[in-house]
Amino acid sequence: MDWRLQILTRTILGRIPFGNRFRELKRHVFGYRPDPDNLLNTVENLKQMKSELEALGRTFHGSSVLEIGSGWFPAIPLMLAAEGVKHIYLSDQTAHMDQITFKATLDFLRKNFPDAAHLQRINCLDDIPASYLAPFNIDKIANKSIDYIISRTVLEHIPAEQMIGFFQALRSRLAPNGLMVHMVDHSDHLEFNDKSISRINFLTWSRRQHAWINLLMKEGGNRLRHHEYLPLFKLAGFRVLSEKTFMHEATYEMAKKLKLSAPYSGMTPEQLSVLTSIYILAPEEK
């Protein structure tokens, strides 16, 4: 779908009265079919996050985990159940997951990961050590109770000016030696459904255009590049223990040709072509 049409569609759907209720009824009537590529990428991203943790001598086993922005399909909590987590809190600003999306995700994972025996013993959310907090209220999380705060493709939707305060609020919930693990997708998400544009097409928009599009779609996409997160983490009181980047070669070449808006026009192709990052953060010692 053309990226402009995507913006129009999301603008309209986001303003339909009782839109969430309508989507819920639609799922009950037509079911829910997860995006296979998205789910497989989610599982692969979790493996990458685990690998980065293991390089630091850490695992999810026996830990309490808070997932920020769990979304419609609980792939990460279902796979973490096999890791022996003590408890995992799923969270969203608005409730997205329900029994229909849970079952659709579970069925997909069972089909694609037949050797994951733990999936056969699960039928509903109550079968794993999990709680769903939606709308998310940080006051529901006790201080110093969470070993890992994790997210996948969430930070890029938080405006930069809000991220520092959000991280500062989360910090007190981390247990001693607790860590945050965040995977960020720095690409233009409209490209997912419009392959005619580059993965950094949104960097050609002016600040004003970007602000209007965010307002229309009711999304907080921030367009931050990998290196721009680092000072925000520091201001929020966190130090970076590990940062893993994935550069996209085609985007590296495209960045040399596109007419980009400021400040991206002043960045290097190397900075612009990092499309995925995994950050592991620890609170700064006071």
C-alpha atoms as a PDB file:
ATOM      1  CA  MET A   1       0.000   0.000   0.000  1.00  0.00           C
ATOM      2  CA  ASP A   2       1.338   3.448  -0.935  1.00  0.00           C
ATOM      3  CA  TRP A   3       2.791   5.157   2.145  1.00  0.00           C
ATOM      4  CA  ARG A   4       0.529   8.186   1.686  1.00  0.00           C
ATOM      5  CA  LEU A   5      -2.518   5.930   1.600  1.00  0.00           C
ATOM      6  CA  GLN A   6      -1.275   4.222   4.756  1.00  0.00           C
ATOM      7  CA  ILE A   7      -1.184   7.597   6.512  1.00  0.00           C
ATOM      8  CA  LEU A   8      -4.724   8.385   5.323  1.00  0.00           C
ATOM      9  CA  THR A   9      -6.041   4.980   6.386  1.00  0.00           C
ATOM     10  CA  ARG A  10      -4.494   5.180   9.855  1.00  0.00           C
ATOM     11  CA  THR A  11      -5.724   8.756  10.253  1.00  0.00           C
ATOM     12  CA  ILE A  12      -9.305   7.675   9.558  1.00  0.00           C
ATOM     13  CA  LEU A  13      -9.198   4.454  11.587  1.00  0.00           C
ATOM     14  CA  GLY A  14      -7.622   6.247  14.524  1.00  0.00           C
ATOM     15  CA  ARG A  15     -10.607   8.596  14.726  1.00  0.00           C
ATOM     16  CA  ILE A  16     -13.452   6.122  14.427  1.00  0.00           C
ATOM     17  CA  PRO A  17     -15.505   6.216  17.646  1.00  0.00           C
ATOM     18  CA  PHE A  18     -15.133   2.966  19.601  1.00  0.00           C
ATOM     19  CA  GLY A  19     -12.357   1.898  17.213  1.00  0.00           C
ATOM     20  CA  ASN A  20     -10.822  -0.556  19.689  1.00  0.00           C
ATOM     21  CA  ARG A  21     -14.198  -2.156  20.319  1.00  0.00           C
ATOM     22  CA  PHE A  22     -14.742  -2.438  16.557  1.00  0.00           C
ATOM     23  CA  ARG A  23     -11.389  -4.221  16.117  1.00  0.00           C
ATOM     24  CA  GLU A  24     -12.258  -6.572  18.964  1.00  0.00           C
ATOM     25  CA  LEU A  25     -15.579  -7.492  17.336  1.00  0.00           C
ATOM     26  CA  LYS A  26     -13.803  -7.982  14.017  1.00  0.00           C
ATOM     27  CA  ARG A  27     -11.409 -10.475  15.636  1.00  0.00           C
ATOM     28  CA  HIS A  28     -14.318 -12.393  17.139  1.00  0.00           C
ATOM     29  CA  VAL A  29     -16.022 -12.649  13.751  1.00  0.00           C
ATOM     30  CA  PHE A  30     -13.061 -13.167  11.418  1.00  0.00           C
ATOM     31  CA  GLY A  31     -10.348 -14.369  13.775  1.00  0.00           C
ATOM     32  CA  TYR A  32      -6.821 -13.011  13.913  1.00  0.00           C
ATOM     33  CA  ARG A  33      -4.058 -13.897  11.507  1.00  0.00           C
ATOM     34  CA  PRO A  34      -0.618 -12.804  12.739  1.00  0.00           C
ATOM     35  CA  ASP A  35       1.982 -11.540  10.292  1.00  0.00           C
ATOM     36  CA  PRO A  36       4.314 -14.568   9.889  1.00  0.00           C
ATOM     37  CA  ASP A  37       7.395 -12.503   9.053  1.00  0.00           C
ATOM     38  CA  ASN A  38       6.825 -10.219  12.027  1.00  0.00           C
ATOM     39  CA  LEU A  39       6.440 -13.123  14.452  1.00  0.00           C
ATOM     40  CA  LEU A  40       9.503 -14.946  13.141  1.00  0.00           C
ATOM     41  CA  ASN A  41      11.489 -11.708  13.338  1.00  0.00           C
ATOM     42  CA  THR A  42      10.290 -11.250  16.908  1.00  0.00           C
ATOM     43  CA  VAL A  43      11.600 -14.676  17.910  1.00  0.00           C
ATOM     44  CA  GLU A  44      14.886 -14.009  16.108  1.00  0.00           C
ATOM     45  CA  ASN A  45      15.214 -10.628  17.840  1.00  0.00           C
ATOM     46  CA  LEU A  46      14.661 -12.303  21.217  1.00  0.00           C
ATOM     47  CA  LYS A  47      17.477 -14.737  20.408  1.00  0.00           C
ATOM     48  CA  GLN A  48      19.734 -11.795  19.592  1.00  0.00           C
ATOM     49  CA  MET A  49      18.821 -10.054  22.849  1.00  0.00           C
ATOM     50  CA  LYS A  50      19.503 -13.255  24.795  1.00  0.00           C
ATOM     51  CA  SER A  51      22.853 -13.618  23.051  1.00  0.00           C
ATOM     52  CA  GLU A  52      23.884 -10.096  24.050  1.00  0.00           C
ATOM     53  CA  LEU A  53      22.861 -10.798  27.658  1.00  0.00           C
ATOM     54  CA  GLU A  54      24.770 -14.092  27.698  1.00  0.00           C
ATOM     55  CA  ALA A  55      27.888 -12.248  26.509  1.00  0.00           C
ATOM     56  CA  LEU A  56      27.622 -10.339  29.801  1.00  0.00           C
ATOM     57  CA  GLY A  57      27.176 -13.564  31.757  1.00  0.00           C
ATOM     58  CA  ARG A  58      23.444 -13.025  32.304  1.00  0.00           C
ATOM     59  CA  THR A  59      20.295 -15.028  31.482  1.00  0.00           C
ATOM     60  CA  PHE A  60      16.530 -14.635  31.888  1.00  0.00           C
ATOM     61  CA  HIS A  61      16.292 -17.803  34.016  1.00  0.00           C
ATOM     62  CA  GLY A  62      14.659 -17.204  37.389  1.00  0.00           C
ATOM     63  CA  SER A  63      14.148 -13.501  36.722  1.00  0.00           C
ATOM     64  CA  SER A  64      11.278 -11.034  36.877  1.00  0.00           C
ATOM     65  CA  VAL A  65      10.775  -9.329  33.525  1.00  0.00           C
ATOM     66  CA  LEU A  66       8.778  -6.278  32.460  1.00  0.00           C
ATOM     67  CA  GLU A  67       8.078  -6.075  28.728  1.00  0.00           C
ATOM     68  CA  ILE A  68       7.247  -2.560  27.535  1.00  0.00           C
ATOM     69  CA  GLY A  69       4.808  -2.503  24.613  1.00  0.00           C
ATOM     70  CA  SER A  70       3.757  -6.147  24.306  1.00  0.00           C
ATOM     71  CA  GLY A  71       1.266  -5.486  21.505  1.00  0.00           C
ATOM     72  CA  TRP A  72      -1.211  -7.907  19.977  1.00  0.00           C
ATOM     73  CA  PHE A  73       0.925 -11.046  19.844  1.00  0.00           C
ATOM     74  CA  PRO A  74       2.721 -12.241  23.009  1.00  0.00           C
ATOM     75  CA  ALA A  75       5.533 -14.091  21.234  1.00  0.00           C
ATOM     76  CA  ILE A  76       8.276 -12.922  23.589  1.00  0.00           C
ATOM     77  CA  PRO A  77       6.450 -13.900  26.837  1.00  0.00           C
ATOM     78  CA  LEU A  78       5.552 -17.293  25.369  1.00  0.00           C
ATOM     79  CA  MET A  79       9.147 -17.993  24.377  1.00  0.00           C
ATOM     80  CA  LEU A  80      10.515 -16.633  27.671  1.00  0.00           C
ATOM     81  CA  ALA A  81       8.332 -19.144  29.510  1.00  0.00           C
ATOM     82  CA  ALA A  82      10.786 -21.783  28.288  1.00  0.00           C
ATOM     83  CA  GLU A  83      13.644 -19.813  29.850  1.00  0.00           C
ATOM     84  CA  GLY A  84      12.251 -20.392  33.332  1.00  0.00           C
ATOM     85  CA  VAL A  85      11.381 -16.775  34.111  1.00  0.00           C
ATOM     86  CA  LYS A  86       9.927 -16.231  37.565  1.00  0.00           C
ATOM     87  CA  HIS A  87       7.352 -13.738  36.292  1.00  0.00           C
ATOM     88  CA  ILE A  88       6.840 -11.573  33.242  1.00  0.00           C
ATOM     89  CA  TYR A  89       4.716  -8.441  33.130  1.00  0.00           C
ATOM     90  CA  LEU A  90       3.284  -7.629  29.716  1.00  0.00           C
ATOM     91  CA  SER A  91       2.302  -3.991  29.265  1.00  0.00           C
ATOM     92  CA  ASP A  92       0.590  -1.660  26.814  1.00  0.00           C
ATOM     93  CA  GLN A  93      -0.889   1.817  26.986  1.00  0.00           C
ATOM     94  CA  THR A  94      -4.097   0.345  25.546  1.00  0.00           C
ATOM     95  CA  ALA A  95      -5.107  -3.311  25.767  1.00  0.00           C
ATOM     96  CA  HIS A  96      -4.327  -5.027  22.462  1.00  0.00           C
ATOM     97  CA  MET A  97      -3.921  -8.681  23.353  1.00  0.00           C
ATOM     98  CA  ASP A  98      -6.930 -10.878  24.067  1.00  0.00           C
ATOM     99  CA  GLN A  99      -7.611 -14.614  24.103  1.00  0.00           C
ATOM    100  CA  ILE A 100      -8.018 -14.619  20.306  1.00  0.00           C
ATOM    101  CA  THR A 101      -4.655 -13.007  19.567  1.00  0.00           C
ATOM    102  CA  PHE A 102      -3.022 -15.103  22.309  1.00  0.00           C
ATOM    103  CA  LYS A 103      -4.280 -18.345  20.764  1.00  0.00           C
ATOM    104  CA  ALA A 104      -3.340 -17.269  17.224  1.00  0.00           C
ATOM    105  CA  THR A 105       0.195 -16.511  18.398  1.00  0.00           C
ATOM    106  CA  LEU A 106       0.431 -19.767  20.331  1.00  0.00           C
ATOM    107  CA  ASP A 107      -0.780 -21.799  17.324  1.00  0.00           C
ATOM    108  CA  PHE A 108       1.756 -20.088  15.065  1.00  0.00           C
ATOM    109  CA  LEU A 109       4.645 -20.738  17.455  1.00  0.00           C
ATOM    110  CA  ARG A 110       3.633 -24.377  17.945  1.00  0.00           C
ATOM    111  CA  LYS A 111       3.607 -24.902  14.176  1.00  0.00           C
ATOM    112  CA  ASN A 112       6.932 -23.190  13.542  1.00  0.00           C
ATOM    113  CA  PHE A 113       8.778 -24.407  16.652  1.00  0.00           C
ATOM    114  CA  PRO A 114       7.556 -27.999  17.119  1.00  0.00           C
ATOM    115  CA  ASP A 115      10.505 -28.837  19.407  1.00  0.00           C
ATOM    116  CA  ALA A 116       9.448 -26.191  21.958  1.00  0.00           C
ATOM    117  CA  ALA A 117       7.727 -28.679  24.262  1.00  0.00           C
ATOM    118  CA  HIS A 118       6.616 -26.022  26.757  1.00  0.00           C
ATOM    119  CA  LEU A 119       4.254 -24.546  24.155  1.00  0.00           C
ATOM    120  CA  GLN A 120       2.184 -27.730  24.177  1.00  0.00           C
ATOM    121  CA  ARG A 121       1.406 -27.229  27.868  1.00  0.00           C
ATOM    122  CA  ILE A 122       0.038 -23.704  27.390  1.00  0.00           C
ATOM    123  CA  ASN A 123      -3.554 -22.845  26.540  1.00  0.00           C
ATOM    124  CA  CYS A 124      -4.037 -19.364  27.990  1.00  0.00           C
ATOM    125  CA  LEU A 125      -2.123 -16.573  29.689  1.00  0.00           C
ATOM    126  CA  ASP A 126      -2.805 -18.117  33.115  1.00  0.00           C
ATOM    127  CA  ASP A 127      -0.662 -21.097  32.107  1.00  0.00           C
ATOM    128  CA  ILE A 128       2.517 -19.006  32.202  1.00  0.00           C
ATOM    129  CA  PRO A 129       3.823 -16.851  35.081  1.00  0.00           C
ATOM    130  CA  ALA A 130       2.546 -13.609  33.578  1.00  0.00           C
ATOM    131  CA  SER A 131       0.412 -10.533  34.239  1.00  0.00           C
ATOM    132  CA  TYR A 132      -0.992  -8.164  31.608  1.00  0.00           C
ATOM    133  CA  LEU A 133      -0.919  -4.498  32.597  1.00  0.00           C
ATOM    134  CA  ALA A 134      -3.048  -2.507  30.152  1.00  0.00           C
ATOM    135  CA  PRO A 135      -3.354   0.372  30.473  1.00  0.00           C
ATOM    136  CA  PHE A 136       0.153   0.321  31.908  1.00  0.00           C
ATOM    137  CA  ASN A 137       0.421   1.902  35.338  1.00  0.00           C
ATOM    138  CA  ILE A 138       3.962   1.939  36.673  1.00  0.00           C
ATOM    139  CA  ASP A 139       2.598   2.157  40.216  1.00  0.00           C
ATOM    140  CA  LYS A 140       1.515  -1.478  39.825  1.00  0.00           C
ATOM    141  CA  ILE A 141       5.206  -2.454  39.780  1.00  0.00           C
ATOM    142  CA  ALA A 142       6.966  -2.548  43.139  1.00  0.00           C
ATOM    143  CA  ASN A 143      10.263  -0.728  43.562  1.00  0.00           C
ATOM    144  CA  LYS A 144      13.407  -2.846  43.062  1.00  0.00           C
ATOM    145  CA  SER A 145      11.339  -5.837  41.880  1.00  0.00           C
ATOM    146  CA  ILE A 146      12.275  -6.205  38.195  1.00  0.00           C
ATOM    147  CA  ASP A 147      15.445  -7.907  36.987  1.00  0.00           C
ATOM    148  CA  TYR A 148      15.021  -7.002  33.320  1.00  0.00           C
ATOM    149  CA  ILE A 149      13.010  -4.326  31.547  1.00  0.00           C
ATOM    150  CA  ILE A 150      12.839  -5.231  27.869  1.00  0.00           C
ATOM    151  CA  SER A 151      11.282  -3.887  24.690  1.00  0.00           C
ATOM    152  CA  ARG A 152      11.274  -4.666  20.995  1.00  0.00           C
ATOM    153  CA  THR A 153      10.524  -1.955  18.407  1.00  0.00           C
ATOM    154  CA  VAL A 154       9.006   0.339  21.023  1.00  0.00           C
ATOM    155  CA  LEU A 155      11.515   3.092  21.840  1.00  0.00           C
ATOM    156  CA  GLU A 156      11.317   4.513  18.314  1.00  0.00           C
ATOM    157  CA  HIS A 157       7.671   5.406  19.033  1.00  0.00           C
ATOM    158  CA  ILE A 158       8.440   7.416  22.178  1.00  0.00           C
ATOM    159  CA  PRO A 159       9.131  11.133  21.596  1.00  0.00           C
ATOM    160  CA  ALA A 160      12.679  11.997  22.639  1.00  0.00           C
ATOM    161  CA  GLU A 161      11.474  14.615  25.142  1.00  0.00           C
ATOM    162  CA  GLN A 162       9.368  11.969  26.944  1.00  0.00           C
ATOM    163  CA  MET A 163      11.932   9.173  26.948  1.00  0.00           C
ATOM    164  CA  ILE A 164      14.160  10.605  29.669  1.00  0.00           C
ATOM    165  CA  GLY A 165      11.326  10.948  32.189  1.00  0.00           C
ATOM    166  CA  PHE A 166       9.955   7.514  31.296  1.00  0.00           C
ATOM    167  CA  PHE A 167      13.341   5.873  31.852  1.00  0.00           C
ATOM    168  CA  GLN A 168      13.819   7.725  35.123  1.00  0.00           C
ATOM    169  CA  ALA A 169      10.456   6.399  36.328  1.00  0.00           C
ATOM    170  CA  LEU A 170      11.406   2.857  35.324  1.00  0.00           C
ATOM    171  CA  ARG A 171      14.784   3.036  37.035  1.00  0.00           C
ATOM    172  CA  SER A 172      13.401   2.730  40.558  1.00  0.00           C
ATOM    173  CA  ARG A 173      11.605  -0.494  39.580  1.00  0.00           C
ATOM    174  CA  LEU A 174      14.850  -2.272  38.719  1.00  0.00           C
ATOM    175  CA  ALA A 175      16.202  -4.714  41.284  1.00  0.00           C
ATOM    176  CA  PRO A 176      19.831  -4.440  42.385  1.00  0.00           C
ATOM    177  CA  ASN A 177      21.905  -5.470  39.349  1.00  0.00           C
ATOM    178  CA  GLY A 178      18.794  -5.082  37.175  1.00  0.00           C
ATOM    179  CA  LEU A 179      19.239  -4.232  33.499  1.00  0.00           C
ATOM    180  CA  MET A 180      17.267  -2.848  30.576  1.00  0.00           C
ATOM    181  CA  VAL A 181      17.445  -4.537  27.161  1.00  0.00           C
ATOM    182  CA  HIS A 182      15.969  -2.622  24.235  1.00  0.00           C
ATOM    183  CA  MET A 183      15.852  -3.500  20.562  1.00  0.00           C
ATOM    184  CA  VAL A 184      15.143  -0.482  18.344  1.00  0.00           C
ATOM    185  CA  ASP A 185      14.091  -0.423  14.695  1.00  0.00           C
ATOM    186  CA  HIS A 186      15.388   2.830  13.204  1.00  0.00           C
ATOM    187  CA  SER A 187      13.726   2.326   9.799  1.00  0.00           C
ATOM    188  CA  ASP A 188      10.677   4.012   8.280  1.00  0.00           C
ATOM    189  CA  HIS A 189       7.834   1.696   9.330  1.00  0.00           C
ATOM    190  CA  LEU A 190       5.712   2.785   6.366  1.00  0.00           C
ATOM    191  CA  GLU A 191       8.213   0.942   4.173  1.00  0.00           C
ATOM    192  CA  PHE A 192       7.000  -2.366   5.604  1.00  0.00           C
ATOM    193  CA  ASN A 193       3.942  -2.139   3.340  1.00  0.00           C
ATOM    194  CA  ASP A 194       5.325   0.063   0.566  1.00  0.00           C
ATOM    195  CA  LYS A 195       8.502  -1.360  -0.938  1.00  0.00           C
ATOM    196  CA  SER A 196       8.676   1.461  -3.483  1.00  0.00           C
ATOM    197  CA  ILE A 197      10.253   3.745  -0.859  1.00  0.00           C
ATOM    198  CA  SER A 198      13.584   3.478   0.938  1.00  0.00           C
ATOM    199  CA  ARG A 199      13.890   2.360   4.538  1.00  0.00           C
ATOM    200  CA  ILE A 200      14.864   5.920   5.510  1.00  0.00           C
ATOM    201  CA  ASN A 201      12.271   7.714   3.398  1.00  0.00           C
ATOM    202  CA  PHE A 202      10.934   9.541   6.477  1.00  0.00           C
ATOM    203  CA  LEU A 203      14.293  11.276   6.878  1.00  0.00           C
ATOM    204  CA  THR A 204      13.456  13.300   3.768  1.00  0.00           C
ATOM    205  CA  TRP A 205      10.531  14.949   5.590  1.00  0.00           C
ATOM    206  CA  SER A 206      10.963  18.316   7.242  1.00  0.00           C
ATOM    207  CA  ARG A 207      10.415  18.558  10.998  1.00  0.00           C
ATOM    208  CA  ARG A 208       7.026  20.174  10.320  1.00  0.00           C
ATOM    209  CA  GLN A 209       5.952  17.403   7.937  1.00  0.00           C
ATOM    210  CA  HIS A 210       7.022  14.776  10.433  1.00  0.00           C
ATOM    211  CA  ALA A 211       5.132  16.466  13.263  1.00  0.00           C
ATOM    212  CA  TRP A 212       1.948  16.665  11.172  1.00  0.00           C
ATOM    213  CA  ILE A 213       2.166  13.030  10.091  1.00  0.00           C
ATOM    214  CA  ASN A 214       2.673  11.916  13.699  1.00  0.00           C
ATOM    215  CA  LEU A 215      -0.334  13.988  14.713  1.00  0.00           C
ATOM    216  CA  LEU A 216      -2.501  12.540  11.956  1.00  0.00           C
ATOM    217  CA  MET A 217      -1.558   8.925  12.626  1.00  0.00           C
ATOM    218  CA  LYS A 218      -1.457   9.388  16.416  1.00  0.00           C
ATOM    219  CA  GLU A 219       1.981   7.794  16.510  1.00  0.00           C
ATOM    220  CA  GLY A 220       5.065   9.071  18.289  1.00  0.00           C
ATOM    221  CA  GLY A 221       7.729   7.996  15.813  1.00  0.00           C
ATOM    222  CA  ASN A 222      10.883   9.907  16.725  1.00  0.00           C
ATOM    223  CA  ARG A 223      13.258   9.114  13.790  1.00  0.00           C
ATOM    224  CA  LEU A 224      16.223   8.977  16.212  1.00  0.00           C
ATOM    225  CA  ARG A 225      19.332   7.298  14.817  1.00  0.00           C
ATOM    226  CA  HIS A 226      21.385   4.830  16.833  1.00  0.00           C
ATOM    227  CA  HIS A 227      23.903   7.352  18.157  1.00  0.00           C
ATOM    228  CA  GLU A 228      21.187   9.822  19.191  1.00  0.00           C
ATOM    229  CA  TYR A 229      19.832   7.483  21.878  1.00  0.00           C
ATOM    230  CA  LEU A 230      23.107   7.359  23.783  1.00  0.00           C
ATOM    231  CA  PRO A 231      22.976  10.883  25.312  1.00  0.00           C
ATOM    232  CA  LEU A 232      19.303  10.330  26.224  1.00  0.00           C
ATOM    233  CA  PHE A 233      20.202   7.194  28.164  1.00  0.00           C
ATOM    234  CA  LYS A 234      22.909   9.109  29.991  1.00  0.00           C
ATOM    235  CA  LEU A 235      20.556  11.970  30.873  1.00  0.00           C
ATOM    236  CA  ALA A 236      18.082   9.410  32.225  1.00  0.00           C
ATOM    237  CA  GLY A 237      20.773   8.009  34.527  1.00  0.00           C
ATOM    238  CA  PHE A 238      21.803   4.886  32.619  1.00  0.00           C
ATOM    239  CA  ARG A 239      25.115   3.673  31.257  1.00  0.00           C
ATOM    240  CA  VAL A 240      25.459   1.491  28.176  1.00  0.00           C
ATOM    241  CA  LEU A 241      26.933  -1.930  28.942  1.00  0.00           C
ATOM    242  CA  SER A 242      26.522  -3.214  25.406  1.00  0.00           C
ATOM    243  CA  GLU A 243      25.363  -1.879  22.056  1.00  0.00           C
ATOM    244  CA  LYS A 244      24.910  -4.089  19.017  1.00  0.00           C
ATOM    245  CA  THR A 245      24.221  -2.479  15.650  1.00  0.00           C
ATOM    246  CA  PHE A 246      23.060  -3.914  12.336  1.00  0.00           C
ATOM    247  CA  MET A 247      23.927  -1.877   9.250  1.00  0.00           C
ATOM    248  CA  HIS A 248      21.818  -2.185   6.078  1.00  0.00           C
ATOM    249  CA  GLU A 249      24.042  -2.105   3.003  1.00  0.00           C
ATOM    250  CA  ALA A 250      21.369  -0.927   0.547  1.00  0.00           C
ATOM    251  CA  THR A 251      20.464   1.916   2.897  1.00  0.00           C
ATOM    252  CA  TYR A 252      24.146   2.867   3.168  1.00  0.00           C
ATOM    253  CA  GLU A 253      24.214   3.414  -0.606  1.00  0.00           C
ATOM    254  CA  MET A 254      20.805   5.114  -0.629  1.00  0.00           C
ATOM    255  CA  ALA A 255      21.898   7.552   2.094  1.00  0.00           C
ATOM    256  CA  LYS A 256      24.509   8.938  -0.294  1.00  0.00           C
ATOM    257  CA  LYS A 257      21.843   9.823  -2.876  1.00  0.00           C
ATOM    258  CA  LEU A 258      18.701  10.862  -1.007  1.00  0.00           C
ATOM    259  CA  LYS A 259      17.947  14.522  -0.387  1.00  0.00           C
ATOM    260  CA  LEU A 260      17.611  14.380   3.373  1.00  0.00           C
ATOM    261  CA  SER A 261      16.251  17.028   5.700  1.00  0.00           C
ATOM    262  CA  ALA A 262      18.186  18.514   8.619  1.00  0.00           C
ATOM    263  CA  PRO A 263      19.682  17.183  10.853  1.00  0.00           C
ATOM    264  CA  TYR A 264      20.024  13.967   8.837  1.00  0.00           C
ATOM    265  CA  SER A 265      21.634  15.752   5.905  1.00  0.00           C
ATOM    266  CA  GLY A 266      24.604  16.352   8.187  1.00  0.00           C
ATOM    267  CA  MET A 267      24.980  12.729   9.280  1.00  0.00           C
ATOM    268  CA  THR A 268      27.249  10.123   7.701  1.00  0.00           C
ATOM    269  CA  PRO A 269      25.941   7.187   5.640  1.00  0.00           C
ATOM    270  CA  GLU A 270      27.271   4.915   8.394  1.00  0.00           C
ATOM    271  CA  GLN A 271      25.111   6.660  10.991  1.00  0.00           C
ATOM    272  CA  LEU A 272      22.042   6.651   8.767  1.00  0.00           C
ATOM    273  CA  SER A 273      22.268   3.013   7.647  1.00  0.00           C
ATOM    274  CA  VAL A 274      22.186   1.457  11.119  1.00  0.00           C
ATOM    275  CA  LEU A 275      18.594   0.243  11.070  1.00  0.00           C
ATOM    276  CA  THR A 276      18.570  -2.039  14.112  1.00  0.00           C
ATOM    277  CA  SER A 277      20.160  -1.604  17.532  1.00  0.00           C
ATOM    278  CA  ILE A 278      20.227  -3.631  20.725  1.00  0.00           C
ATOM    279  CA  TYR A 279      21.137  -1.674  23.848  1.00  0.00           C
ATOM    280  CA  ILE A 280      21.804  -3.156  27.272  1.00  0.00           C
ATOM    281  CA  LEU A 281      21.659  -0.518  29.995  1.00  0.00           C
ATOM    282  CA  ALA A 282      22.446  -0.427  33.684  1.00  0.00           C
ATOM    283  CA  PRO A 283      21.596   2.373  36.133  1.00  0.00           C
ATOM    284  CA  GLU A 284      24.460   4.718  36.837  1.00  0.00           C
ATOM    285  CA  GLU A 285      25.825   4.189  40.319  1.00  0.00           C
ATOM    286  CA  LYS A 286      24.902   7.051  42.597  1.00  0.00           C
END
